[in-house]
Amino acid sequence: MNAHVHLELPGCASRSGAGFLPWLRSWRDAPGPLAIPSLAAAQANARAIAAFGTAAVIDVGNLDVGGAAMMEA
């Protein structure tokens, strides 16, 4: 279970596998604007987390697309 997700944000996956705090710091310290939310990103992220075995999420996204994206995944 992932208890706090923003499925609509692209490029949020941890590439290092270092854990949550290093991931959060990388977002805080990143130059430039944050990712632009989209339905396509929600669908891609839902497929990715389903492939890793996540069975339940609490999506707190701003576009109200997470539920539909998870149902499709």
N, C-alpha and C. Protein backbone atom coordinates (compact mmCIF):
# COMPACT_ATOMS: atom_id res chain seq x y z
N MET A 1 0.85 -1.18 0.00
CA MET A 1 0.00 0.00 0.00
C MET A 1 0.88 1.23 0.00
N ASN A 2 0.51 2.21 -0.79
CA ASN A 2 1.16 3.50 -0.81
C ASN A 2 0.12 4.50 -0.32
N ALA A 3 0.38 5.13 0.79
CA ALA A 3 -0.64 5.93 1.45
C ALA A 3 -0.67 7.40 1.04
N HIS A 4 0.15 7.81 0.12
CA HIS A 4 0.11 9.20 -0.32
C HIS A 4 0.78 9.29 -1.69
N VAL A 5 -0.02 9.37 -2.73
CA VAL A 5 0.54 9.45 -4.07
C VAL A 5 -0.06 10.62 -4.84
N HIS A 6 0.68 11.05 -5.82
CA HIS A 6 0.23 12.04 -6.80
C HIS A 6 0.45 11.39 -8.15
N LEU A 7 -0.46 10.53 -8.55
CA LEU A 7 -0.29 9.78 -9.78
C LEU A 7 -0.16 10.68 -11.00
N GLU A 8 -0.72 11.88 -10.94
CA GLU A 8 -0.74 12.76 -12.11
C GLU A 8 0.58 13.46 -12.37
N LEU A 9 1.57 13.31 -11.48
CA LEU A 9 2.86 13.98 -11.67
C LEU A 9 3.86 13.06 -12.37
N PRO A 10 4.35 13.45 -13.54
CA PRO A 10 5.33 12.62 -14.24
C PRO A 10 6.72 12.76 -13.62
N GLY A 11 7.54 11.74 -13.78
CA GLY A 11 8.92 11.82 -13.36
C GLY A 11 9.16 11.76 -11.87
N CYS A 12 8.23 11.19 -11.13
CA CYS A 12 8.36 11.14 -9.68
C CYS A 12 9.00 9.87 -9.15
N ALA A 13 9.19 8.90 -9.98
CA ALA A 13 9.73 7.62 -9.51
C ALA A 13 11.15 7.79 -9.00
N SER A 14 11.45 7.08 -7.93
CA SER A 14 12.81 7.07 -7.41
C SER A 14 13.68 6.22 -8.32
N ARG A 15 14.72 6.80 -8.82
CA ARG A 15 15.64 6.05 -9.68
C ARG A 15 16.79 5.46 -8.88
N SER A 16 17.04 5.99 -7.70
CA SER A 16 18.19 5.54 -6.92
C SER A 16 17.84 4.39 -5.99
N GLY A 17 16.57 4.28 -5.59
CA GLY A 17 16.19 3.27 -4.63
C GLY A 17 16.68 3.59 -3.23
N ALA A 18 17.08 4.84 -3.00
CA ALA A 18 17.68 5.23 -1.72
C ALA A 18 16.64 5.46 -0.62
N GLY A 19 15.37 5.52 -0.97
CA GLY A 19 14.35 5.73 0.04
C GLY A 19 13.63 7.06 -0.09
N PHE A 20 12.68 7.27 0.81
CA PHE A 20 11.79 8.42 0.70
C PHE A 20 12.49 9.76 0.93
N LEU A 21 13.26 9.89 2.00
CA LEU A 21 13.86 11.19 2.31
C LEU A 21 14.84 11.66 1.24
N PRO A 22 15.73 10.81 0.73
CA PRO A 22 16.58 11.26 -0.37
C PRO A 22 15.76 11.66 -1.61
N TRP A 23 14.70 10.90 -1.87
CA TRP A 23 13.83 11.24 -3.00
C TRP A 23 13.19 12.61 -2.79
N LEU A 24 12.67 12.86 -1.59
CA LEU A 24 12.03 14.14 -1.29
C LEU A 24 13.03 15.29 -1.40
N ARG A 25 14.22 15.08 -0.92
CA ARG A 25 15.26 16.13 -1.03
C ARG A 25 15.61 16.41 -2.48
N SER A 26 15.61 15.36 -3.31
CA SER A 26 15.93 15.59 -4.72
C SER A 26 14.88 16.46 -5.39
N TRP A 27 13.63 16.33 -4.98
CA TRP A 27 12.57 17.20 -5.51
C TRP A 27 12.70 18.61 -4.97
N ARG A 28 13.00 18.71 -3.69
CA ARG A 28 13.14 20.03 -3.06
C ARG A 28 14.29 20.80 -3.69
N ASP A 29 15.39 20.11 -3.98
CA ASP A 29 16.60 20.76 -4.47
C ASP A 29 16.69 20.85 -5.99
N ALA A 30 15.73 20.31 -6.69
CA ALA A 30 15.78 20.30 -8.16
C ALA A 30 15.64 21.71 -8.72
N PRO A 31 16.46 22.03 -9.70
CA PRO A 31 16.31 23.34 -10.34
C PRO A 31 15.11 23.33 -11.29
N GLY A 32 14.53 24.44 -11.50
CA GLY A 32 13.44 24.55 -12.46
C GLY A 32 12.09 24.19 -11.88
N PRO A 33 11.06 24.28 -12.72
CA PRO A 33 9.69 24.02 -12.26
C PRO A 33 9.44 22.53 -12.01
N LEU A 34 8.44 22.26 -11.19
CA LEU A 34 8.02 20.89 -10.96
C LEU A 34 7.30 20.36 -12.20
N ALA A 35 7.08 19.09 -12.23
CA ALA A 35 6.44 18.43 -13.35
C ALA A 35 5.01 18.94 -13.56
N ILE A 36 4.56 18.90 -14.79
CA ILE A 36 3.20 19.31 -15.13
C ILE A 36 2.28 18.10 -15.03
N PRO A 37 1.23 18.18 -14.19
CA PRO A 37 0.33 17.04 -14.03
C PRO A 37 -0.46 16.73 -15.30
N SER A 38 -0.79 15.44 -15.47
CA SER A 38 -1.59 15.05 -16.64
C SER A 38 -2.23 13.69 -16.42
N LEU A 39 -3.28 13.43 -17.19
CA LEU A 39 -3.93 12.12 -17.18
C LEU A 39 -2.96 11.05 -17.68
N ALA A 40 -2.20 11.35 -18.71
CA ALA A 40 -1.25 10.38 -19.26
C ALA A 40 -0.22 9.97 -18.20
N ALA A 41 0.25 10.91 -17.41
CA ALA A 41 1.20 10.60 -16.34
C ALA A 41 0.54 9.71 -15.30
N ALA A 42 -0.71 10.01 -14.94
CA ALA A 42 -1.43 9.18 -13.96
C ALA A 42 -1.56 7.75 -14.46
N GLN A 43 -1.87 7.59 -15.73
CA GLN A 43 -2.01 6.24 -16.28
C GLN A 43 -0.68 5.50 -16.28
N ALA A 44 0.39 6.17 -16.68
CA ALA A 44 1.70 5.53 -16.71
C ALA A 44 2.17 5.18 -15.30
N ASN A 45 1.98 6.09 -14.36
CA ASN A 45 2.39 5.82 -12.98
C ASN A 45 1.56 4.71 -12.35
N ALA A 46 0.28 4.65 -12.66
CA ALA A 46 -0.57 3.58 -12.13
C ALA A 46 -0.12 2.22 -12.65
N ARG A 47 0.22 2.15 -13.93
CA ARG A 47 0.73 0.90 -14.49
C ARG A 47 2.04 0.50 -13.82
N ALA A 48 2.90 1.47 -13.58
CA ALA A 48 4.21 1.19 -12.98
C ALA A 48 4.06 0.67 -11.55
N ILE A 49 3.23 1.32 -10.75
CA ILE A 49 3.13 0.87 -9.36
C ILE A 49 2.37 -0.46 -9.27
N ALA A 50 1.44 -0.69 -10.17
CA ALA A 50 0.75 -1.99 -10.19
C ALA A 50 1.74 -3.09 -10.56
N ALA A 51 2.65 -2.80 -11.47
CA ALA A 51 3.65 -3.79 -11.88
C ALA A 51 4.59 -4.15 -10.73
N PHE A 52 4.79 -3.21 -9.80
CA PHE A 52 5.64 -3.46 -8.64
C PHE A 52 4.89 -4.15 -7.51
N GLY A 53 3.58 -4.39 -7.71
CA GLY A 53 2.81 -5.13 -6.72
C GLY A 53 2.01 -4.29 -5.75
N THR A 54 1.95 -2.98 -5.96
CA THR A 54 1.14 -2.13 -5.09
C THR A 54 -0.32 -2.44 -5.35
N ALA A 55 -1.04 -2.78 -4.29
CA ALA A 55 -2.44 -3.20 -4.43
C ALA A 55 -3.42 -2.10 -4.05
N ALA A 56 -2.97 -1.09 -3.31
CA ALA A 56 -3.87 -0.02 -2.88
C ALA A 56 -3.09 1.28 -2.76
N VAL A 57 -3.72 2.37 -3.13
CA VAL A 57 -3.12 3.69 -3.00
C VAL A 57 -4.16 4.67 -2.48
N ILE A 58 -3.67 5.74 -1.90
CA ILE A 58 -4.52 6.87 -1.57
C ILE A 58 -3.99 8.02 -2.41
N ASP A 59 -4.67 8.31 -3.50
CA ASP A 59 -4.22 9.34 -4.42
C ASP A 59 -4.72 10.69 -3.93
N VAL A 60 -3.79 11.62 -3.77
CA VAL A 60 -4.14 12.96 -3.31
C VAL A 60 -3.92 13.99 -4.42
N GLY A 61 -3.99 13.53 -5.64
CA GLY A 61 -3.73 14.38 -6.78
C GLY A 61 -4.75 15.49 -6.94
N ASN A 62 -4.40 16.43 -7.78
CA ASN A 62 -5.24 17.60 -8.00
C ASN A 62 -6.15 17.49 -9.21
N LEU A 63 -5.98 16.46 -10.03
CA LEU A 63 -6.77 16.34 -11.26
C LEU A 63 -7.93 15.36 -11.16
N ASP A 64 -8.04 14.62 -10.08
CA ASP A 64 -9.10 13.63 -9.89
C ASP A 64 -9.08 12.59 -11.01
N VAL A 65 -7.88 12.11 -11.35
CA VAL A 65 -7.74 11.09 -12.38
C VAL A 65 -7.12 9.80 -11.85
N GLY A 66 -6.67 9.80 -10.62
CA GLY A 66 -5.97 8.64 -10.07
C GLY A 66 -6.82 7.39 -9.98
N GLY A 67 -8.05 7.53 -9.56
CA GLY A 67 -8.93 6.37 -9.42
C GLY A 67 -9.14 5.66 -10.73
N ALA A 68 -9.44 6.41 -11.76
CA ALA A 68 -9.66 5.82 -13.08
C ALA A 68 -8.37 5.19 -13.60
N ALA A 69 -7.25 5.86 -13.36
CA ALA A 69 -5.96 5.32 -13.82
C ALA A 69 -5.64 4.00 -13.12
N MET A 70 -5.90 3.90 -11.83
CA MET A 70 -5.65 2.66 -11.10
C MET A 70 -6.58 1.54 -11.55
N MET A 71 -7.82 1.88 -11.84
CA MET A 71 -8.76 0.87 -12.32
C MET A 71 -8.31 0.29 -13.66
N GLU A 72 -7.73 1.12 -14.52
CA GLU A 72 -7.24 0.66 -15.81
C GLU A 72 -6.00 -0.19 -15.66
N ALA A 73 -5.17 0.12 -14.64
CA ALA A 73 -3.90 -0.60 -14.46
C ALA A 73 -4.19 -2.01 -14.01
